[in-house]
Amino acid sequence: MNRHYQLLIVLIILISSFCAYFMLDDLRAIVFRGTQIDSIGHIISFFLLTWLLNGIFKLPLTNCVITISIYAALTELGQYYLGFRNGELSDFFADLVGIALFALLRWGITIYRQSRIK
């Protein structure tokens, strides 16, 4: 897959998520019904998972963002159907926030390094 198409897919996912968040008050109420320690754990763990796959295993950032986002959705969907776990939409959004934070940090570092070379 061409890198431009991968970047376009990531941007579409991020933009549509942010638009849905700001346009739908009900969605915002579901996502942030109160910050819980569980949500912070999701953000940190998915930030570190993205760092691990991108930094240590050298997988391309766009591939990491797409696959880990799908993984986050599937884990929450699986938890929804388990009897002893709860799959929550707020946890999925916390996962996406952790992934997006790493992607934005990595992207910013890359742009900074490129500007220093020129």
N, C-alpha and C. Protein backbone atom coordinates (compact mmCIF):
# COMPACT_ATOMS: atom_id res chain seq x y z
N MET A 1 0.85 -1.18 0.00
CA MET A 1 0.00 0.00 0.00
C MET A 1 0.90 1.24 0.00
N ASN A 2 0.56 2.18 -0.80
CA ASN A 2 1.33 3.41 -0.91
C ASN A 2 1.28 4.19 0.40
N ARG A 3 2.39 4.81 0.78
CA ARG A 3 2.44 5.55 2.05
C ARG A 3 1.43 6.69 2.10
N HIS A 4 1.15 7.30 0.94
CA HIS A 4 0.19 8.39 0.92
C HIS A 4 -1.22 7.88 1.25
N TYR A 5 -1.55 6.72 0.76
CA TYR A 5 -2.86 6.15 1.06
C TYR A 5 -2.96 5.75 2.53
N GLN A 6 -1.89 5.22 3.08
CA GLN A 6 -1.90 4.86 4.50
C GLN A 6 -2.07 6.10 5.36
N LEU A 7 -1.34 7.15 5.04
CA LEU A 7 -1.47 8.39 5.78
C LEU A 7 -2.87 8.98 5.63
N LEU A 8 -3.44 8.87 4.45
CA LEU A 8 -4.80 9.35 4.22
C LEU A 8 -5.81 8.58 5.07
N ILE A 9 -5.64 7.28 5.18
CA ILE A 9 -6.54 6.47 6.01
C ILE A 9 -6.44 6.88 7.47
N VAL A 10 -5.23 7.08 7.97
CA VAL A 10 -5.05 7.49 9.36
C VAL A 10 -5.67 8.86 9.60
N LEU A 11 -5.45 9.79 8.68
CA LEU A 11 -6.03 11.13 8.83
C LEU A 11 -7.55 11.09 8.80
N ILE A 12 -8.12 10.27 7.94
CA ILE A 12 -9.58 10.15 7.87
C ILE A 12 -10.13 9.59 9.18
N ILE A 13 -9.47 8.58 9.74
CA ILE A 13 -9.91 8.02 11.02
C ILE A 13 -9.84 9.06 12.12
N LEU A 14 -8.72 9.78 12.21
CA LEU A 14 -8.56 10.79 13.25
C LEU A 14 -9.56 11.95 13.10
N ILE A 15 -9.71 12.44 11.88
CA ILE A 15 -10.62 13.57 11.64
C ILE A 15 -12.06 13.17 11.90
N SER A 16 -12.47 11.98 11.45
CA SER A 16 -13.85 11.56 11.68
C SER A 16 -14.11 11.32 13.16
N SER A 17 -13.11 10.82 13.90
CA SER A 17 -13.29 10.63 15.34
C SER A 17 -13.45 11.97 16.05
N PHE A 18 -12.60 12.94 15.71
CA PHE A 18 -12.70 14.24 16.35
C PHE A 18 -14.00 14.96 15.95
N CYS A 19 -14.42 14.85 14.69
CA CYS A 19 -15.67 15.48 14.26
C CYS A 19 -16.86 14.86 14.99
N ALA A 20 -16.86 13.54 15.11
CA ALA A 20 -17.96 12.87 15.82
C ALA A 20 -17.98 13.30 17.28
N TYR A 21 -16.82 13.44 17.88
CA TYR A 21 -16.75 13.85 19.27
C TYR A 21 -17.31 15.25 19.47
N PHE A 22 -16.93 16.19 18.61
CA PHE A 22 -17.36 17.57 18.80
C PHE A 22 -18.78 17.82 18.32
N MET A 23 -19.30 17.01 17.43
CA MET A 23 -20.65 17.24 16.90
C MET A 23 -21.73 16.53 17.71
N LEU A 24 -21.41 15.43 18.31
CA LEU A 24 -22.42 14.65 19.01
C LEU A 24 -22.25 14.77 20.52
N ASP A 25 -23.18 15.47 21.17
CA ASP A 25 -23.10 15.65 22.61
C ASP A 25 -23.28 14.34 23.36
N ASP A 26 -24.14 13.46 22.83
CA ASP A 26 -24.35 12.17 23.49
C ASP A 26 -23.08 11.33 23.48
N LEU A 27 -22.37 11.35 22.36
CA LEU A 27 -21.12 10.62 22.27
C LEU A 27 -20.10 11.17 23.25
N ARG A 28 -20.03 12.47 23.36
CA ARG A 28 -19.11 13.10 24.30
C ARG A 28 -19.45 12.71 25.74
N ALA A 29 -20.73 12.62 26.05
CA ALA A 29 -21.13 12.23 27.40
C ALA A 29 -20.77 10.78 27.68
N ILE A 30 -20.87 9.91 26.67
CA ILE A 30 -20.50 8.51 26.86
C ILE A 30 -19.01 8.36 27.04
N VAL A 31 -18.25 9.05 26.21
CA VAL A 31 -16.80 8.90 26.23
C VAL A 31 -16.21 9.44 27.53
N PHE A 32 -16.61 10.62 27.93
CA PHE A 32 -16.04 11.25 29.11
C PHE A 32 -17.10 11.43 30.19
N ARG A 33 -17.58 10.33 30.72
CA ARG A 33 -18.56 10.38 31.80
C ARG A 33 -17.88 10.59 33.14
N GLY A 34 -16.62 10.72 33.10
CA GLY A 34 -15.81 10.92 34.29
C GLY A 34 -14.50 10.18 34.08
N THR A 35 -13.41 10.87 34.24
CA THR A 35 -12.13 10.23 34.01
C THR A 35 -11.90 9.19 35.10
N GLN A 36 -11.60 7.99 34.66
CA GLN A 36 -11.34 6.90 35.58
C GLN A 36 -9.89 6.47 35.42
N ILE A 37 -9.38 5.82 36.44
CA ILE A 37 -8.01 5.34 36.38
C ILE A 37 -7.87 4.30 35.28
N ASP A 38 -8.95 3.58 34.98
CA ASP A 38 -8.94 2.58 33.91
C ASP A 38 -8.67 3.24 32.56
N SER A 39 -9.27 4.38 32.31
CA SER A 39 -9.06 5.09 31.05
C SER A 39 -7.62 5.56 30.92
N ILE A 40 -7.05 6.03 32.00
CA ILE A 40 -5.66 6.46 31.98
C ILE A 40 -4.74 5.26 31.70
N GLY A 41 -5.08 4.11 32.27
CA GLY A 41 -4.32 2.90 32.00
C GLY A 41 -4.39 2.48 30.54
N HIS A 42 -5.57 2.64 29.93
CA HIS A 42 -5.73 2.33 28.52
C HIS A 42 -4.86 3.26 27.66
N ILE A 43 -4.87 4.54 27.98
CA ILE A 43 -4.08 5.51 27.22
C ILE A 43 -2.60 5.17 27.30
N ILE A 44 -2.11 4.92 28.50
CA ILE A 44 -0.69 4.61 28.69
C ILE A 44 -0.32 3.30 28.02
N SER A 45 -1.15 2.27 28.18
CA SER A 45 -0.79 0.97 27.62
C SER A 45 -0.79 0.97 26.10
N PHE A 46 -1.74 1.65 25.46
CA PHE A 46 -1.74 1.69 24.01
C PHE A 46 -0.69 2.65 23.46
N PHE A 47 -0.32 3.68 24.21
CA PHE A 47 0.82 4.52 23.83
C PHE A 47 2.08 3.66 23.81
N LEU A 48 2.28 2.87 24.86
CA LEU A 48 3.48 2.03 24.95
C LEU A 48 3.46 0.90 23.92
N LEU A 49 2.29 0.34 23.64
CA LEU A 49 2.19 -0.71 22.63
C LEU A 49 2.55 -0.18 21.25
N THR A 50 2.09 1.01 20.93
CA THR A 50 2.43 1.62 19.65
C THR A 50 3.92 1.93 19.59
N TRP A 51 4.48 2.43 20.69
CA TRP A 51 5.91 2.69 20.74
C TRP A 51 6.71 1.41 20.56
N LEU A 52 6.26 0.34 21.21
CA LEU A 52 6.95 -0.94 21.11
C LEU A 52 6.98 -1.46 19.68
N LEU A 53 5.84 -1.43 19.02
CA LEU A 53 5.78 -1.95 17.65
C LEU A 53 6.52 -1.05 16.66
N ASN A 54 6.43 0.26 16.86
CA ASN A 54 7.08 1.18 15.94
C ASN A 54 8.56 1.36 16.25
N GLY A 55 8.90 1.51 17.50
CA GLY A 55 10.27 1.81 17.87
C GLY A 55 11.19 0.61 17.92
N ILE A 56 10.72 -0.46 18.52
CA ILE A 56 11.59 -1.62 18.71
C ILE A 56 11.52 -2.58 17.53
N PHE A 57 10.30 -2.86 17.08
CA PHE A 57 10.15 -3.81 15.97
C PHE A 57 10.21 -3.14 14.61
N LYS A 58 10.33 -1.80 14.59
CA LYS A 58 10.52 -1.02 13.36
C LYS A 58 9.40 -1.21 12.33
N LEU A 59 8.17 -1.37 12.81
CA LEU A 59 7.03 -1.39 11.89
C LEU A 59 6.69 0.04 11.51
N PRO A 60 6.26 0.29 10.27
CA PRO A 60 5.90 1.66 9.87
C PRO A 60 4.77 2.21 10.74
N LEU A 61 4.84 3.51 11.00
CA LEU A 61 3.89 4.15 11.92
C LEU A 61 2.45 4.01 11.44
N THR A 62 2.20 4.21 10.16
CA THR A 62 0.83 4.13 9.67
C THR A 62 0.27 2.72 9.81
N ASN A 63 1.09 1.72 9.54
CA ASN A 63 0.64 0.34 9.73
C ASN A 63 0.34 0.06 11.19
N CYS A 64 1.19 0.58 12.08
CA CYS A 64 0.97 0.39 13.51
C CYS A 64 -0.34 1.02 13.96
N VAL A 65 -0.58 2.24 13.53
CA VAL A 65 -1.79 2.95 13.94
C VAL A 65 -3.04 2.22 13.46
N ILE A 66 -3.03 1.78 12.23
CA ILE A 66 -4.20 1.08 11.69
C ILE A 66 -4.43 -0.25 12.40
N THR A 67 -3.39 -1.06 12.52
CA THR A 67 -3.58 -2.39 13.10
C THR A 67 -3.87 -2.33 14.60
N ILE A 68 -3.23 -1.43 15.32
CA ILE A 68 -3.50 -1.34 16.75
C ILE A 68 -4.88 -0.77 17.01
N SER A 69 -5.37 0.12 16.14
CA SER A 69 -6.74 0.62 16.27
C SER A 69 -7.75 -0.52 16.06
N ILE A 70 -7.49 -1.35 15.08
CA ILE A 70 -8.37 -2.51 14.85
C ILE A 70 -8.28 -3.47 16.04
N TYR A 71 -7.08 -3.67 16.55
CA TYR A 71 -6.89 -4.53 17.73
C TYR A 71 -7.67 -3.99 18.93
N ALA A 72 -7.62 -2.67 19.13
CA ALA A 72 -8.35 -2.05 20.24
C ALA A 72 -9.85 -2.28 20.10
N ALA A 73 -10.36 -2.12 18.88
CA ALA A 73 -11.79 -2.33 18.65
C ALA A 73 -12.17 -3.79 18.90
N LEU A 74 -11.34 -4.70 18.43
CA LEU A 74 -11.65 -6.12 18.60
C LEU A 74 -11.57 -6.56 20.06
N THR A 75 -10.62 -6.02 20.82
CA THR A 75 -10.55 -6.38 22.24
C THR A 75 -11.75 -5.88 23.01
N GLU A 76 -12.20 -4.67 22.72
CA GLU A 76 -13.39 -4.16 23.41
C GLU A 76 -14.64 -4.91 22.97
N LEU A 77 -14.71 -5.27 21.72
CA LEU A 77 -15.85 -6.06 21.24
C LEU A 77 -15.85 -7.44 21.89
N GLY A 78 -14.68 -8.05 22.00
CA GLY A 78 -14.57 -9.34 22.67
C GLY A 78 -14.95 -9.26 24.14
N GLN A 79 -14.54 -8.20 24.80
CA GLN A 79 -14.87 -8.02 26.22
C GLN A 79 -16.37 -7.81 26.41
N TYR A 80 -17.02 -7.22 25.43
CA TYR A 80 -18.46 -6.98 25.52
C TYR A 80 -19.22 -8.31 25.62
N TYR A 81 -18.72 -9.33 24.94
CA TYR A 81 -19.41 -10.61 24.92
C TYR A 81 -18.95 -11.57 26.01
N LEU A 82 -17.91 -11.23 26.75
CA LEU A 82 -17.49 -12.06 27.87
C LEU A 82 -18.35 -11.75 29.09
N GLY A 83 -18.55 -12.74 29.91
CA GLY A 83 -19.39 -12.53 31.08
C GLY A 83 -18.70 -11.79 32.21
N PHE A 84 -17.39 -11.91 32.30
CA PHE A 84 -16.68 -11.33 33.43
C PHE A 84 -15.97 -10.02 33.10
N ARG A 85 -16.10 -9.53 31.88
CA ARG A 85 -15.49 -8.27 31.46
C ARG A 85 -16.56 -7.37 30.86
N ASN A 86 -16.27 -6.08 30.82
CA ASN A 86 -17.18 -5.11 30.21
C ASN A 86 -16.47 -4.41 29.07
N GLY A 87 -17.02 -4.53 27.87
CA GLY A 87 -16.48 -3.78 26.75
C GLY A 87 -17.15 -2.42 26.71
N GLU A 88 -16.37 -1.38 26.84
CA GLU A 88 -16.93 -0.03 26.91
C GLU A 88 -16.38 0.84 25.78
N LEU A 89 -17.25 1.69 25.27
CA LEU A 89 -16.87 2.61 24.20
C LEU A 89 -15.83 3.61 24.70
N SER A 90 -15.92 3.99 25.96
CA SER A 90 -14.96 4.94 26.51
C SER A 90 -13.56 4.34 26.57
N ASP A 91 -13.47 3.04 26.81
CA ASP A 91 -12.15 2.40 26.80
C ASP A 91 -11.56 2.38 25.40
N PHE A 92 -12.41 2.15 24.41
CA PHE A 92 -11.94 2.16 23.03
C PHE A 92 -11.42 3.55 22.65
N PHE A 93 -12.13 4.59 23.04
CA PHE A 93 -11.66 5.94 22.74
C PHE A 93 -10.39 6.27 23.51
N ALA A 94 -10.25 5.75 24.72
CA ALA A 94 -9.00 5.94 25.47
C ALA A 94 -7.84 5.25 24.75
N ASP A 95 -8.11 4.06 24.19
CA ASP A 95 -7.10 3.37 23.41
C ASP A 95 -6.68 4.22 22.21
N LEU A 96 -7.66 4.79 21.51
CA LEU A 96 -7.37 5.63 20.35
C LEU A 96 -6.59 6.88 20.74
N VAL A 97 -6.88 7.43 21.89
CA VAL A 97 -6.14 8.60 22.36
C VAL A 97 -4.68 8.25 22.60
N GLY A 98 -4.42 7.11 23.22
CA GLY A 98 -3.04 6.68 23.43
C GLY A 98 -2.29 6.46 22.13
N ILE A 99 -2.96 5.84 21.16
CA ILE A 99 -2.36 5.61 19.85
C ILE A 99 -2.08 6.93 19.16
N ALA A 100 -3.06 7.84 19.19
CA ALA A 100 -2.91 9.13 18.52
C ALA A 100 -1.83 9.98 19.18
N LEU A 101 -1.71 9.91 20.50
CA LEU A 101 -0.67 10.68 21.18
C LEU A 101 0.71 10.24 20.73
N PHE A 102 0.93 8.93 20.64
CA PHE A 102 2.23 8.47 20.17
C PHE A 102 2.45 8.87 18.72
N ALA A 103 1.42 8.71 17.87
CA ALA A 103 1.57 9.04 16.45
C ALA A 103 1.90 10.52 16.27
N LEU A 104 1.21 11.38 17.00
CA LEU A 104 1.48 12.82 16.90
C LEU A 104 2.87 13.17 17.43
N LEU A 105 3.27 12.53 18.52
CA LEU A 105 4.60 12.77 19.06
C LEU A 105 5.67 12.32 18.08
N ARG A 106 5.51 11.15 17.52
CA ARG A 106 6.48 10.62 16.56
C ARG A 106 6.53 11.48 15.29
N TRP A 107 5.36 11.89 14.82
CA TRP A 107 5.27 12.74 13.64
C TRP A 107 5.96 14.08 13.89
N GLY A 108 5.72 14.66 15.07
CA GLY A 108 6.36 15.93 15.42
C GLY A 108 7.87 15.82 15.50
N ILE A 109 8.35 14.73 16.07
CA ILE A 109 9.80 14.51 16.15
C ILE A 109 10.39 14.37 14.76
N THR A 110 9.71 13.65 13.89
CA THR A 110 10.20 13.46 12.52
C THR A 110 10.27 14.79 11.78
N ILE A 111 9.24 15.60 11.90
CA ILE A 111 9.24 16.91 11.22
C ILE A 111 10.32 17.81 11.80
N TYR A 112 10.51 17.77 13.10
CA TYR A 112 11.55 18.59 13.73
C TYR A 112 12.93 18.18 13.22
N ARG A 113 13.18 16.89 13.15
CA ARG A 113 14.48 16.41 12.66
C ARG A 113 14.71 16.79 11.20
N GLN A 114 13.66 16.71 10.39
CA GLN A 114 13.80 17.08 8.98
C GLN A 114 14.07 18.57 8.82
N SER A 115 13.45 19.39 9.67
CA SER A 115 13.68 20.83 9.58
C SER A 115 15.08 21.20 10.06
N ARG A 116 15.64 20.45 10.98
CA ARG A 116 16.99 20.71 11.47
C ARG A 116 18.03 20.34 10.42
N ILE A 117 17.72 19.33 9.59
CA ILE A 117 18.66 18.92 8.54
C ILE A 117 18.73 19.96 7.45
N LYS A 118 17.61 20.56 7.10
CA LYS A 118 17.55 21.56 6.03
C LYS A 118 18.09 22.84 6.53
